[in-house]
Amino acid sequence: MHVLTTVDEPLIKRLRGEHHFFWIDLVRPSADEIKQLGRALGLHPVALEDTLEFGQRPKVDTYDDQLLFVYYTAKVPAKPIEVHIYISGDFISTIRHDDCMALDDLHGSLSQQPTHDEEVLVYRIFDGLTDAYYPVIEALEHEIDQLEADVLNHPRRELLTTSYRLKQNVRGLHRLAAAQHNGFDVAHDAILALPGFEKSSKPYLRDVGDHLNQISSEFQRQAEDLFSLTQTYFNANADRLNATATRITIGGTIFVAWTVITGFFGQNFKWLTDHVESRHAFLFFGVGGLIIPTVILITLFWVKRHDWF
């Protein structure tokens, strides 16, 4: 299979004339290069308008003997990559504005593939773009697990901000994967119905739809985990606040006891003023009157800690 990375019009014309299936992969092409590609491949003007203006939603458009896929893959750290894919019975063309290792790694392997099984060649490209989601899912899973551990150990305001950011990223990827999964069955049939497109003896392309379903489910699960993590943050914060209030209550109770005791000894009873004069009396009535109630209260709080707190 011929793999092109530039618009070589004479070579494209020869390959199409000889009915050799080929792949042309353009990275960050200029508007002139896209128009040149449109002339060389006979692309529909309406399809070219979409490619000239990236930022499209996932979709598949049918133009006579050609299809335009707006397909999204992703790379770490959770960044979606928009790829425009043109498919006909003679060629497949991919256009992107970002580096994509899933496609770059296929250049060498597909150039060695025979062209008699076009469905397998198209499947390899879609499968590479789809499987690129899995490292992103693993990276997000690791980040969510670490965030959950941080929230349980020490909930802080910045963790809530991180959770919201992750939730937005996961929801964005889930919307893309779900839209592609919902439309891929129709797209699969449209690819196989292209004039001159050679089908495989096995339904390779159906495997892409299965992977998209799995990926969409994983993103949905991660979004639900992040929603639950937000609730966990507020619950952990409430528990932390309750623990702080408990400590303050214990300290306040001890100070109340001290206030009552010192207030009592501060009254001008004649017996007190006549008998609390020596150091021993001060230590017994004064210091002992503070220490003994404190020990009793602390012991009581410790014994009843599971019932009260």
Protein backbone atom coordinates (compact mmCIF):
# COMPACT_ATOMS: atom_id res chain seq x y z
CA MET A 1 0.00 0.00 0.00
CA HIS A 2 1.31 3.42 -0.95
CA VAL A 3 1.49 5.85 2.00
CA LEU A 4 1.82 9.53 1.06
CA THR A 5 2.45 12.47 3.38
CA THR A 6 2.37 15.20 0.71
CA VAL A 7 0.06 15.97 -2.20
CA ASP A 8 1.91 14.48 -5.18
CA GLU A 9 -0.66 15.02 -7.94
CA PRO A 10 1.13 13.01 -10.70
CA LEU A 11 1.58 10.02 -8.36
CA ILE A 12 -2.01 10.26 -7.14
CA LYS A 13 -3.27 10.39 -10.70
CA ARG A 14 -1.22 7.32 -11.61
CA LEU A 15 -2.35 5.33 -8.58
CA ARG A 16 -5.99 6.13 -9.21
CA GLY A 17 -5.63 5.25 -12.86
CA GLU A 18 -4.12 1.88 -11.94
CA HIS A 19 -6.76 1.35 -9.21
CA HIS A 20 -4.13 1.01 -6.49
CA PHE A 21 -5.62 1.70 -3.06
CA PHE A 22 -3.47 4.27 -1.25
CA TRP A 23 -3.39 6.37 1.92
CA ILE A 24 -2.45 10.05 2.09
CA ASP A 25 -1.91 11.50 5.57
CA LEU A 26 -1.52 15.28 5.87
CA VAL A 27 -0.41 16.99 9.07
CA ARG A 28 -1.16 20.72 9.50
CA PRO A 29 -1.78 21.31 5.78
CA SER A 30 -2.31 24.84 4.52
CA ALA A 31 -5.55 25.88 2.84
CA ASP A 32 -3.83 25.68 -0.55
CA GLU A 33 -2.67 22.11 0.15
CA ILE A 34 -6.20 21.08 1.13
CA LYS A 35 -7.59 22.58 -2.08
CA GLN A 36 -4.86 20.85 -4.05
CA LEU A 37 -5.80 17.57 -2.38
CA GLY A 38 -9.45 18.19 -3.24
CA ARG A 39 -8.55 18.60 -6.92
CA ALA A 40 -6.34 15.51 -6.96
CA LEU A 41 -8.91 13.28 -5.27
CA GLY A 42 -12.04 14.89 -6.66
CA LEU A 43 -13.39 15.72 -3.20
CA HIS A 44 -16.78 17.36 -2.87
CA PRO A 45 -16.61 21.17 -2.32
CA VAL A 46 -18.96 21.00 0.68
CA ALA A 47 -16.72 18.39 2.33
CA LEU A 48 -13.66 20.58 1.70
CA GLU A 49 -15.38 23.50 3.45
CA ASP A 50 -15.65 21.38 6.61
CA THR A 51 -11.97 20.42 6.38
CA LEU A 52 -10.90 24.02 5.83
CA GLU A 53 -12.74 24.92 9.06
CA PHE A 54 -11.73 22.46 11.79
CA GLY A 55 -13.78 22.27 15.00
CA GLN A 56 -16.56 20.07 13.62
CA ARG A 57 -18.68 17.64 15.61
CA PRO A 58 -18.19 13.88 15.07
CA LYS A 59 -20.13 12.89 11.98
CA VAL A 60 -20.11 11.02 8.68
CA ASP A 61 -21.29 12.65 5.44
CA THR A 62 -21.92 10.78 2.21
CA TYR A 63 -20.96 12.38 -1.12
CA ASP A 64 -21.78 10.07 -4.02
CA ASP A 65 -18.80 7.67 -4.13
CA GLN A 66 -16.98 9.16 -1.13
CA LEU A 67 -17.40 9.52 2.62
CA LEU A 68 -16.17 12.20 4.99
CA PHE A 69 -15.62 11.16 8.58
CA VAL A 70 -15.02 13.74 11.26
CA TYR A 71 -13.43 11.39 13.76
CA TYR A 72 -11.86 12.11 17.13
CA THR A 73 -9.02 10.28 18.80
CA ALA A 74 -7.12 11.40 21.90
CA LYS A 75 -3.68 11.56 23.46
CA VAL A 76 -2.31 11.95 26.97
CA PRO A 77 -3.06 14.16 28.87
CA ALA A 78 -6.73 13.79 27.85
CA LYS A 79 -6.50 15.95 24.73
CA PRO A 80 -8.91 15.20 21.86
CA ILE A 81 -7.52 15.20 18.32
CA GLU A 82 -9.80 15.93 15.39
CA VAL A 83 -9.11 13.92 12.23
CA HIS A 84 -10.93 14.31 8.92
CA ILE A 85 -11.04 11.02 7.03
CA TYR A 86 -12.02 10.73 3.36
CA ILE A 87 -12.77 7.21 2.10
CA SER A 88 -13.57 5.95 -1.37
CA GLY A 89 -13.02 2.74 -3.28
CA ASP A 90 -9.62 4.05 -4.41
CA PHE A 91 -8.10 5.78 -1.40
CA ILE A 92 -8.27 6.85 2.22
CA SER A 93 -7.09 10.32 3.23
CA THR A 94 -6.54 11.64 6.76
CA ILE A 95 -6.10 15.32 7.60
CA ARG A 96 -5.18 16.60 11.07
CA HIS A 97 -3.78 19.64 12.80
CA ASP A 98 -2.07 17.79 15.66
CA ASP A 99 0.58 15.14 16.00
CA CYS A 100 -0.96 11.70 16.36
CA MET A 101 1.28 8.75 17.18
CA ALA A 102 -1.55 6.34 16.32
CA LEU A 103 -1.32 7.41 12.67
CA ASP A 104 2.43 8.07 12.57
CA ASP A 105 3.13 4.52 13.77
CA LEU A 106 1.00 3.09 10.95
CA HIS A 107 3.00 4.71 8.16
CA GLY A 108 5.69 2.05 8.13
CA SER A 109 3.48 -1.00 8.81
CA LEU A 110 0.77 -0.16 6.27
CA SER A 111 3.29 0.64 3.56
CA GLN A 112 4.19 -3.08 3.65
CA GLN A 113 0.57 -4.26 3.45
CA PRO A 114 -0.91 -5.55 0.20
CA THR A 115 -3.83 -3.59 -1.19
CA HIS A 116 -6.15 -6.47 -2.09
CA ASP A 117 -8.06 -6.22 1.21
CA GLU A 118 -9.15 -2.60 1.51
CA GLU A 119 -11.45 -3.16 4.50
CA VAL A 120 -8.48 -4.38 6.56
CA LEU A 121 -6.45 -1.28 5.65
CA VAL A 122 -9.29 1.06 6.62
CA TYR A 123 -9.87 -0.97 9.78
CA ARG A 124 -6.20 -0.63 10.81
CA ILE A 125 -6.46 3.16 10.62
CA PHE A 126 -9.75 3.37 12.53
CA ASP A 127 -8.55 0.80 15.04
CA GLY A 128 -5.35 2.77 15.67
CA LEU A 129 -7.30 5.99 16.21
CA THR A 130 -9.80 4.25 18.51
CA ASP A 131 -7.26 2.31 20.59
CA ALA A 132 -5.40 5.58 21.28
CA TYR A 133 -8.16 6.29 23.81
CA TYR A 134 -7.01 3.47 26.11
CA PRO A 135 -3.78 5.12 27.36
CA VAL A 136 -5.85 8.26 28.03
CA ILE A 137 -8.35 6.21 30.05
CA GLU A 138 -5.53 4.63 32.07
CA ALA A 139 -3.92 8.03 32.75
CA LEU A 140 -7.28 9.47 33.86
CA GLU A 141 -7.93 6.43 36.05
CA HIS A 142 -4.59 6.90 37.80
CA GLU A 143 -5.29 10.60 38.31
CA ILE A 144 -8.79 9.90 39.70
CA ASP A 145 -7.45 7.26 42.11
CA GLN A 146 -4.76 9.64 43.37
CA LEU A 147 -7.32 12.43 43.75
CA GLU A 148 -9.63 10.13 45.70
CA ALA A 149 -6.80 9.20 48.09
CA ASP A 150 -5.94 12.88 48.61
CA VAL A 151 -9.58 13.77 49.29
CA LEU A 152 -9.96 11.01 51.88
CA ASN A 153 -6.66 11.82 53.59
CA HIS A 154 -6.84 15.61 53.62
CA PRO A 155 -9.70 17.38 51.75
CA ARG A 156 -8.60 20.77 50.44
CA ARG A 157 -10.27 23.37 48.26
CA GLU A 158 -7.80 22.92 45.40
CA LEU A 159 -8.75 19.23 45.18
CA LEU A 160 -12.34 20.24 44.42
CA THR A 161 -11.06 22.48 41.60
CA THR A 162 -9.01 19.59 40.22
CA SER A 163 -12.07 17.33 40.41
CA TYR A 164 -14.20 19.79 38.41
CA ARG A 165 -11.46 20.14 35.78
CA LEU A 166 -11.14 16.38 35.41
CA LYS A 167 -14.91 16.01 35.21
CA GLN A 168 -15.07 18.50 32.33
CA ASN A 169 -12.31 16.67 30.45
CA VAL A 170 -13.92 13.27 30.95
CA ARG A 171 -17.37 14.51 29.94
CA GLY A 172 -15.95 16.09 26.80
CA LEU A 173 -14.24 12.85 25.79
CA HIS A 174 -17.37 10.87 26.66
CA ARG A 175 -19.53 13.05 24.40
CA LEU A 176 -17.13 12.49 21.50
CA ALA A 177 -16.81 8.73 22.03
CA ALA A 178 -20.57 8.29 22.51
CA ALA A 179 -21.40 10.27 19.37
CA GLN A 180 -18.93 8.21 17.33
CA HIS A 181 -20.27 4.95 18.72
CA ASN A 182 -23.88 5.91 18.01
CA GLY A 183 -23.10 6.75 14.39
CA PHE A 184 -20.59 4.05 13.56
CA ASP A 185 -23.06 1.31 12.66
CA VAL A 186 -24.52 3.47 9.88
CA ALA A 187 -21.02 4.59 8.89
CA HIS A 188 -19.84 0.97 8.74
CA ASP A 189 -22.57 0.06 6.27
CA ALA A 190 -21.83 3.21 4.22
CA ILE A 191 -18.13 2.27 3.92
CA LEU A 192 -18.91 -1.25 2.72
CA ALA A 193 -21.41 0.16 0.19
CA LEU A 194 -18.83 2.42 -1.50
CA PRO A 195 -18.39 1.65 -5.22
CA GLY A 196 -15.19 -0.30 -5.83
CA PHE A 197 -14.48 -0.88 -2.13
CA GLU A 198 -13.22 -4.42 -1.54
CA LYS A 199 -14.74 -6.09 1.50
CA SER A 200 -12.91 -8.50 3.73
CA SER A 201 -13.99 -12.05 4.37
CA LYS A 202 -14.28 -11.10 8.06
CA PRO A 203 -16.24 -8.14 9.54
CA TYR A 204 -13.18 -6.23 10.78
CA LEU A 205 -14.84 -2.83 10.99
CA ARG A 206 -17.48 -4.07 13.43
CA ASP A 207 -14.70 -4.45 15.98
CA VAL A 208 -14.22 -0.66 15.93
CA GLY A 209 -17.83 -0.18 16.99
CA ASP A 210 -17.33 -2.61 19.89
CA HIS A 211 -14.25 -0.69 21.04
CA LEU A 212 -16.11 2.62 20.84
CA ASN A 213 -18.89 1.18 23.00
CA GLN A 214 -16.36 0.05 25.60
CA ILE A 215 -14.53 3.39 25.55
CA SER A 216 -17.77 5.34 25.91
CA SER A 217 -18.75 3.17 28.89
CA GLU A 218 -15.36 3.73 30.55
CA PHE A 219 -15.65 7.51 30.22
CA GLN A 220 -19.21 7.40 31.59
CA ARG A 221 -18.01 5.37 34.58
CA GLN A 222 -15.17 7.82 35.23
CA ALA A 223 -17.56 10.76 35.07
CA GLU A 224 -19.79 9.03 37.64
CA ASP A 225 -16.75 8.34 39.84
CA LEU A 226 -15.80 12.02 39.73
CA PHE A 227 -19.36 13.03 40.62
CA SER A 228 -19.23 10.67 43.60
CA LEU A 229 -15.82 12.06 44.49
CA THR A 230 -17.32 15.54 44.76
CA GLN A 231 -19.84 14.21 47.27
CA THR A 232 -17.02 12.43 49.09
CA TYR A 233 -15.13 15.73 49.31
CA PHE A 234 -18.07 17.49 50.97
CA ASN A 235 -18.68 14.54 53.31
CA ALA A 236 -15.01 14.39 54.28
CA ASN A 237 -15.02 18.14 54.85
CA ALA A 238 -18.14 17.83 57.02
CA ASP A 239 -16.49 15.04 59.05
CA ARG A 240 -13.39 17.16 59.45
CA LEU A 241 -15.51 20.12 60.57
CA ASN A 242 -17.37 17.90 63.04
CA ALA A 243 -14.08 16.63 64.47
CA THR A 244 -12.84 20.21 64.88
CA ALA A 245 -16.10 21.23 66.56
CA THR A 246 -15.79 18.24 68.89
CA ARG A 247 -12.28 19.29 69.96
CA ILE A 248 -13.47 22.84 70.54
CA THR A 249 -16.43 21.54 72.57
CA ILE A 250 -14.16 19.41 74.76
CA GLY A 251 -11.82 22.35 75.35
CA GLY A 252 -14.76 24.66 76.05
CA THR A 253 -16.25 22.20 78.55
CA ILE A 254 -12.94 22.05 80.45
CA PHE A 255 -12.68 25.84 80.48
CA VAL A 256 -16.25 26.09 81.77
CA ALA A 257 -15.32 23.78 84.66
CA TRP A 258 -12.25 25.92 85.42
CA THR A 259 -14.36 29.06 85.30
CA VAL A 260 -16.85 27.64 87.81
CA ILE A 261 -14.07 26.53 90.16
CA THR A 262 -12.10 29.78 90.00
CA GLY A 263 -15.32 31.73 90.34
CA PHE A 264 -16.20 29.84 93.50
CA PHE A 265 -12.81 30.46 95.08
CA GLY A 266 -12.98 34.06 94.02
CA GLN A 267 -15.94 34.70 96.35
CA ASN A 268 -15.21 36.47 99.65
CA PHE A 269 -16.35 33.73 102.01
CA LYS A 270 -14.77 34.23 105.43
CA TRP A 271 -13.65 30.58 105.73
CA LEU A 272 -11.86 30.79 102.40
CA THR A 273 -10.15 34.04 103.20
CA ASP A 274 -9.10 32.76 106.61
CA HIS A 275 -7.91 29.25 105.65
CA VAL A 276 -6.54 29.43 102.09
CA GLU A 277 -3.36 31.24 103.05
CA SER A 278 -0.52 28.68 102.98
CA ARG A 279 1.22 27.14 100.02
CA HIS A 280 -0.20 23.71 100.86
CA ALA A 281 -3.74 25.09 100.96
CA PHE A 282 -3.19 26.82 97.62
CA LEU A 283 -1.89 23.63 95.99
CA PHE A 284 -4.70 21.51 97.46
CA PHE A 285 -7.65 23.82 96.88
CA GLY A 286 -6.38 25.87 93.94
CA VAL A 287 -4.29 23.59 91.73
CA GLY A 288 -6.02 20.40 92.85
CA GLY A 289 -9.43 21.97 92.29
CA LEU A 290 -8.47 22.50 88.62
CA ILE A 291 -6.58 19.27 87.93
CA ILE A 292 -9.03 16.79 89.44
CA PRO A 293 -12.14 17.97 87.48
CA THR A 294 -10.02 18.15 84.32
CA VAL A 295 -8.86 14.54 84.72
CA ILE A 296 -12.43 13.42 85.43
CA LEU A 297 -13.79 15.20 82.33
CA ILE A 298 -11.04 13.92 80.04
CA THR A 299 -11.56 10.37 81.31
CA LEU A 300 -15.30 10.67 80.75
CA PHE A 301 -14.82 11.98 77.20
CA TRP A 302 -12.38 9.17 76.42
CA VAL A 303 -14.65 6.42 77.72
CA LYS A 304 -17.69 7.80 75.88
CA ARG A 305 -15.90 8.86 72.69
CA HIS A 306 -17.55 6.19 70.50
CA ASP A 307 -21.03 6.94 71.81
CA TRP A 308 -20.85 10.72 71.64
CA PHE A 309 -18.65 11.48 68.63
